[in-house]
């Protein structure tokens, strides 16, 4: 189904330059390693261009913004564009503050993104130019359902057309789409929402998969979303066996990512293509 997407990550060990928030930085680094990549987490504006130059992809996560990090993100993004590296944006919490909104739209003007990954409220905010979020979580009124999925796909395809990026909306139902082709993905488990950073970790997995498959960004992104969801399912099954809680669950998600192979990925993917 996803061909050699995962094998390319394991074989090439892409360096993923990740400028992320300080809440999830350790988990993001660990899941990059588990996926088969190599993390570097430099966020100083004086070195991000050099670090980006030796990486294979760049992930920008705006979870904990400050004046220094915004400058670093802009410089790294422009350097990655210059080098032709995939750049992935995680617009955490966009819609929650004027500063965050203004910076997100500055980023979108200054940097060409290969992938934009967020929850439905974050993606709607980018699409509309304004919006609201429930902190870093999606507003329940925005949730993707079987009833509204067709209209959701329509606006996601339009956003992909406008930005030139693959759009990945994650939630109970995941959607990964270009302007022409859409993957609907139903992997994962609700308990994943009770672990801080699973979305951030997913974005870095996308960075790993895209770093090793830069000529196939749509399928690489869909494969990453499926892989993370499958890890959530397998991790929950293991959790039930041992009677563990959410901290143990986080560990199992990373564990199963490290054990992921093409057979597990292709066999477990629950997808529909439109």
Protein backbone atom coordinates (compact mmCIF):
# COMPACT_ATOMS: atom_id res chain seq x y z
CA UNK A 1 0.00 0.00 0.00
CA UNK A 2 2.68 2.48 1.04
CA UNK A 3 5.44 0.79 -0.93
CA UNK A 4 8.86 1.40 0.50
CA UNK A 5 7.99 4.51 2.53
CA UNK A 6 8.92 3.00 5.90
CA UNK A 7 11.91 1.07 4.52
CA UNK A 8 13.32 4.32 3.14
CA UNK A 9 13.19 5.86 6.62
CA UNK A 10 14.92 2.89 8.24
CA UNK A 11 17.56 2.72 5.52
CA UNK A 12 18.35 6.41 5.15
CA UNK A 13 17.96 7.54 8.79
CA UNK A 14 16.93 11.10 7.84
CA UNK A 15 18.10 13.92 10.07
CA UNK A 16 14.99 15.77 11.23
CA UNK A 17 15.65 19.30 12.44
CA UNK A 18 12.84 19.94 14.90
CA UNK A 19 12.07 23.34 16.42
CA UNK A 20 9.32 22.40 18.81
CA UNK A 21 7.81 23.37 22.14
CA UNK A 22 9.56 22.71 25.44
CA UNK A 23 6.60 20.63 26.70
CA UNK A 24 7.11 17.77 24.24
CA UNK A 25 10.69 18.08 23.00
CA UNK A 26 11.97 14.86 24.61
CA UNK A 27 9.08 12.72 23.38
CA UNK A 28 9.46 14.20 19.89
CA UNK A 29 13.16 13.33 19.80
CA UNK A 30 12.49 9.79 21.02
CA UNK A 31 9.75 9.04 18.51
CA UNK A 32 11.93 10.32 15.65
CA UNK A 33 14.52 7.78 16.74
CA UNK A 34 11.83 5.10 17.07
CA UNK A 35 10.61 5.85 13.53
CA UNK A 36 14.13 5.44 12.18
CA UNK A 37 15.21 9.05 11.89
CA UNK A 38 17.83 11.13 13.68
CA UNK A 39 16.62 14.14 15.69
CA UNK A 40 18.32 17.49 16.11
CA UNK A 41 16.47 20.06 18.19
CA UNK A 42 18.43 23.30 17.71
CA UNK A 43 16.34 26.42 18.29
CA UNK A 44 18.94 29.19 18.61
CA UNK A 45 18.60 31.77 15.85
CA UNK A 46 22.38 31.94 15.48
CA UNK A 47 22.76 28.30 14.42
CA UNK A 48 19.45 27.11 12.94
CA UNK A 49 20.53 27.81 9.37
CA UNK A 50 23.68 25.71 9.79
CA UNK A 51 21.76 22.87 11.45
CA UNK A 52 19.04 22.98 8.80
CA UNK A 53 21.73 22.69 6.14
CA UNK A 54 22.81 19.27 7.39
CA UNK A 55 19.27 17.96 7.95
CA UNK A 56 16.91 16.20 5.54
CA UNK A 57 13.71 17.84 6.75
CA UNK A 58 12.51 20.59 9.07
CA UNK A 59 9.63 20.52 11.56
CA UNK A 60 8.31 23.81 12.96
CA UNK A 61 5.99 23.51 15.97
CA UNK A 62 4.70 26.80 17.42
CA UNK A 63 3.51 25.40 20.76
CA UNK A 64 5.59 27.64 23.04
CA UNK A 65 6.43 30.78 21.11
CA UNK A 66 8.73 33.60 22.14
CA UNK A 67 10.62 36.34 20.34
CA UNK A 68 13.77 34.27 19.95
CA UNK A 69 12.02 31.13 18.68
CA UNK A 70 9.99 33.02 16.08
CA UNK A 71 13.17 34.41 14.53
CA UNK A 72 14.75 30.95 14.56
CA UNK A 73 11.72 29.40 12.87
CA UNK A 74 11.68 31.97 10.08
CA UNK A 75 15.40 31.63 9.43
CA UNK A 76 15.30 27.83 9.45
CA UNK A 77 12.24 27.72 7.20
CA UNK A 78 13.79 29.99 4.59
CA UNK A 79 17.03 28.01 4.62
CA UNK A 80 15.15 24.71 4.20
CA UNK A 81 13.25 26.20 1.25
CA UNK A 82 16.54 27.32 -0.29
CA UNK A 83 17.87 23.77 0.02
CA UNK A 84 14.67 22.09 -1.19
CA UNK A 85 14.07 20.22 2.07
CA UNK A 86 10.54 19.23 3.17
CA UNK A 87 9.19 21.65 5.79
CA UNK A 88 6.36 20.60 8.10
CA UNK A 89 4.28 23.06 10.14
CA UNK A 90 2.39 22.21 13.33
CA UNK A 91 0.33 25.36 14.08
CA UNK A 92 -0.34 24.46 17.72
CA UNK A 93 -3.04 26.62 19.28
CA UNK A 94 -3.46 28.98 16.35
CA UNK A 95 -6.67 30.89 16.97
CA UNK A 96 -5.97 31.25 20.69
CA UNK A 97 -4.07 34.57 20.65
CA UNK A 98 -3.43 37.53 18.38
CA UNK A 99 0.36 37.04 18.58
CA UNK A 100 0.12 33.36 17.65
CA UNK A 101 -2.23 34.09 14.76
CA UNK A 102 -0.10 36.91 13.35
CA UNK A 103 3.06 34.83 13.53
CA UNK A 104 1.41 31.82 11.89
CA UNK A 105 0.28 33.89 8.93
CA UNK A 106 3.72 35.54 8.72
CA UNK A 107 5.23 32.04 8.54
CA UNK A 108 2.82 31.02 5.81
CA UNK A 109 3.79 34.11 3.79
CA UNK A 110 7.54 33.71 4.26
CA UNK A 111 8.00 29.92 4.13
CA UNK A 112 6.74 27.33 1.65
CA UNK A 113 5.47 24.35 3.63
CA UNK A 114 5.36 20.78 2.34
CA UNK A 115 2.89 19.67 5.02
CA UNK A 116 0.62 21.48 7.48
CA UNK A 117 -0.57 19.18 10.28
CA UNK A 118 -3.09 20.23 12.90
CA UNK A 119 -6.40 19.51 14.52
CA UNK A 120 -9.54 20.59 12.71
CA UNK A 121 -9.88 23.90 14.60
CA UNK A 122 -6.29 24.88 13.81
CA UNK A 123 -6.70 24.02 10.13
CA UNK A 124 -10.00 25.90 9.93
CA UNK A 125 -8.34 28.96 11.47
CA UNK A 126 -5.66 28.90 8.77
CA UNK A 127 -8.29 28.38 6.07
CA UNK A 128 -10.55 31.20 7.26
CA UNK A 129 -7.81 33.58 8.40
CA UNK A 130 -9.26 33.64 11.91
CA UNK A 131 -10.84 31.25 14.39
CA UNK A 132 -10.91 29.90 17.91
CA UNK A 133 -9.46 26.87 19.61
CA UNK A 134 -9.94 25.23 22.98
CA UNK A 135 -6.35 25.80 24.09
CA UNK A 136 -4.35 23.35 22.02
CA UNK A 137 -7.35 21.06 21.53
CA UNK A 138 -9.96 21.12 18.79
CA UNK A 139 -13.29 22.79 19.46
CA UNK A 140 -15.97 20.09 19.69
CA UNK A 141 -18.14 22.12 17.29
CA UNK A 142 -15.49 21.63 14.58
CA UNK A 143 -15.11 17.86 14.87
CA UNK A 144 -14.94 15.80 11.68
CA UNK A 145 -17.81 13.32 11.44
CA UNK A 146 -19.21 11.03 8.76
CA UNK A 147 -21.97 13.59 8.27
CA UNK A 148 -19.67 16.56 7.48
CA UNK A 149 -16.67 14.76 6.01
CA UNK A 150 -17.44 15.63 2.38
CA UNK A 151 -17.56 19.38 3.03
CA UNK A 152 -14.48 19.08 5.22
CA UNK A 153 -12.54 17.41 2.41
CA UNK A 154 -13.65 20.17 0.03
CA UNK A 155 -12.17 22.97 2.14
CA UNK A 156 -9.02 20.95 2.90
CA UNK A 157 -8.41 20.43 -0.81
CA UNK A 158 -8.92 24.15 -1.38
CA UNK A 159 -6.45 24.98 1.40
CA UNK A 160 -3.94 22.58 -0.14
CA UNK A 161 -4.42 24.33 -3.47
CA UNK A 162 -3.88 27.76 -1.88
CA UNK A 163 -0.82 26.83 0.18
CA UNK A 164 0.76 24.20 -2.05
CA UNK A 165 1.07 21.99 1.06
CA UNK A 166 -0.29 18.59 1.94
CA UNK A 167 -2.90 19.16 4.64
CA UNK A 168 -3.16 16.64 7.48
CA UNK A 169 -6.12 17.02 9.84
CA UNK A 170 -5.96 14.65 12.78
CA UNK A 171 -8.65 13.66 15.25
CA UNK A 172 -11.16 10.84 15.62
CA UNK A 173 -11.11 10.67 11.82
CA UNK A 174 -7.85 11.70 10.14
CA UNK A 175 -7.72 13.32 6.72
CA UNK A 176 -4.54 13.70 4.64
CA UNK A 177 -5.01 15.49 1.35
CA UNK A 178 -3.45 17.23 -1.59
CA UNK A 179 -5.57 19.41 -3.83
CA UNK A 180 -6.52 16.29 -5.79
CA UNK A 181 -6.18 13.12 -3.70
CA UNK A 182 -7.43 12.41 -0.18
CA UNK A 183 -6.71 9.69 2.37
CA UNK A 184 -9.34 9.14 5.07
CA UNK A 185 -7.69 7.30 7.96
CA UNK A 186 -9.47 5.68 10.89
CA UNK A 187 -6.55 4.38 12.96
CA UNK A 188 -5.85 5.38 16.54
CA UNK A 189 -7.51 5.25 19.96
CA UNK A 190 -9.35 7.93 22.00
CA UNK A 191 -6.91 7.55 24.89
CA UNK A 192 -4.22 9.17 22.75
CA UNK A 193 -5.89 12.51 23.47
CA UNK A 194 -5.09 12.04 27.18
CA UNK A 195 -1.34 11.98 26.55
CA UNK A 196 0.29 15.37 26.07
CA UNK A 197 2.19 15.63 22.83
CA UNK A 198 0.85 12.80 20.69
CA UNK A 199 0.03 15.34 17.98
CA UNK A 200 3.48 16.89 18.26
CA UNK A 201 5.06 13.45 18.08
CA UNK A 202 3.02 12.64 14.99
CA UNK A 203 4.27 15.79 13.28
CA UNK A 204 7.87 14.71 13.85
CA UNK A 205 7.07 11.24 12.49
CA UNK A 206 5.74 13.00 9.40
CA UNK A 207 9.03 14.91 9.29
CA UNK A 208 10.93 11.62 9.44
CA UNK A 209 8.86 9.95 6.73
CA UNK A 210 9.01 13.01 4.45
CA UNK A 211 12.75 13.44 5.01
CA UNK A 212 13.32 9.99 3.55
CA UNK A 213 10.61 10.27 0.87
CA UNK A 214 10.84 13.86 -0.32
CA UNK A 215 9.60 12.89 -3.79
CA UNK A 216 6.39 11.40 -2.36
CA UNK A 217 5.13 13.77 0.35
CA UNK A 218 1.44 12.84 0.20
CA UNK A 219 1.96 9.10 0.68
CA UNK A 220 4.73 9.67 3.23
CA UNK A 221 2.39 11.83 5.32
CA UNK A 222 -0.49 9.37 5.06
CA UNK A 223 1.82 6.51 6.03
CA UNK A 224 3.07 8.44 9.06
CA UNK A 225 -0.48 9.18 10.23
CA UNK A 226 -1.43 5.51 9.83
CA UNK A 227 1.70 4.36 11.65
CA UNK A 228 1.04 6.63 14.63
CA UNK A 229 -2.57 5.50 14.81
CA UNK A 230 -1.60 1.84 14.67
CA UNK A 231 0.89 2.44 17.50
CA UNK A 232 -1.97 3.93 19.50
CA UNK A 233 -4.08 0.83 18.90
CA UNK A 234 -1.33 -1.66 19.69
CA UNK A 235 -0.23 0.37 22.69
CA UNK A 236 -3.76 0.37 24.09
CA UNK A 237 -4.06 -3.39 23.69
CA UNK A 238 -0.81 -3.82 25.62
CA UNK A 239 -1.96 -1.32 28.23
CA UNK A 240 -5.09 -3.37 28.87
CA UNK A 241 -2.94 -6.46 29.42
CA UNK A 242 -0.84 -4.82 32.14
CA UNK A 243 -3.45 -2.50 33.63
CA UNK A 244 -1.32 0.58 33.06
CA UNK A 245 -2.20 4.27 32.83
CA UNK A 246 -1.50 7.16 30.51
CA UNK A 247 2.23 7.47 31.25
CA UNK A 248 2.73 3.81 30.42
CA UNK A 249 0.61 4.32 27.32
CA UNK A 250 2.95 7.03 26.05
CA UNK A 251 5.87 4.63 26.42
CA UNK A 252 4.03 1.88 24.54
CA UNK A 253 3.24 4.23 21.66
CA UNK A 254 6.95 4.97 21.25
CA UNK A 255 7.82 1.28 21.73
CA UNK A 256 5.48 0.17 18.96
CA UNK A 257 6.79 2.85 16.62
CA UNK A 258 10.27 1.38 17.10
CA UNK A 259 8.87 -2.07 16.20
CA UNK A 260 6.83 -0.88 13.20
CA UNK A 261 7.50 -2.59 9.89
CA UNK A 262 5.84 -2.57 6.48
CA UNK A 263 3.78 -5.69 7.25
CA UNK A 264 2.32 -4.12 10.39
CA UNK A 265 1.80 -0.77 8.66
CA UNK A 266 0.15 -2.06 5.51
CA UNK A 267 -1.83 -4.72 7.36
CA UNK A 268 -3.14 -2.37 10.01
CA UNK A 269 -3.86 0.75 7.95
CA UNK A 270 -7.57 1.61 7.92
CA UNK A 271 -7.83 3.93 4.95
CA UNK A 272 -10.16 5.08 2.23
CA UNK A 273 -8.83 6.94 -0.79
CA UNK A 274 -10.88 9.58 -2.61
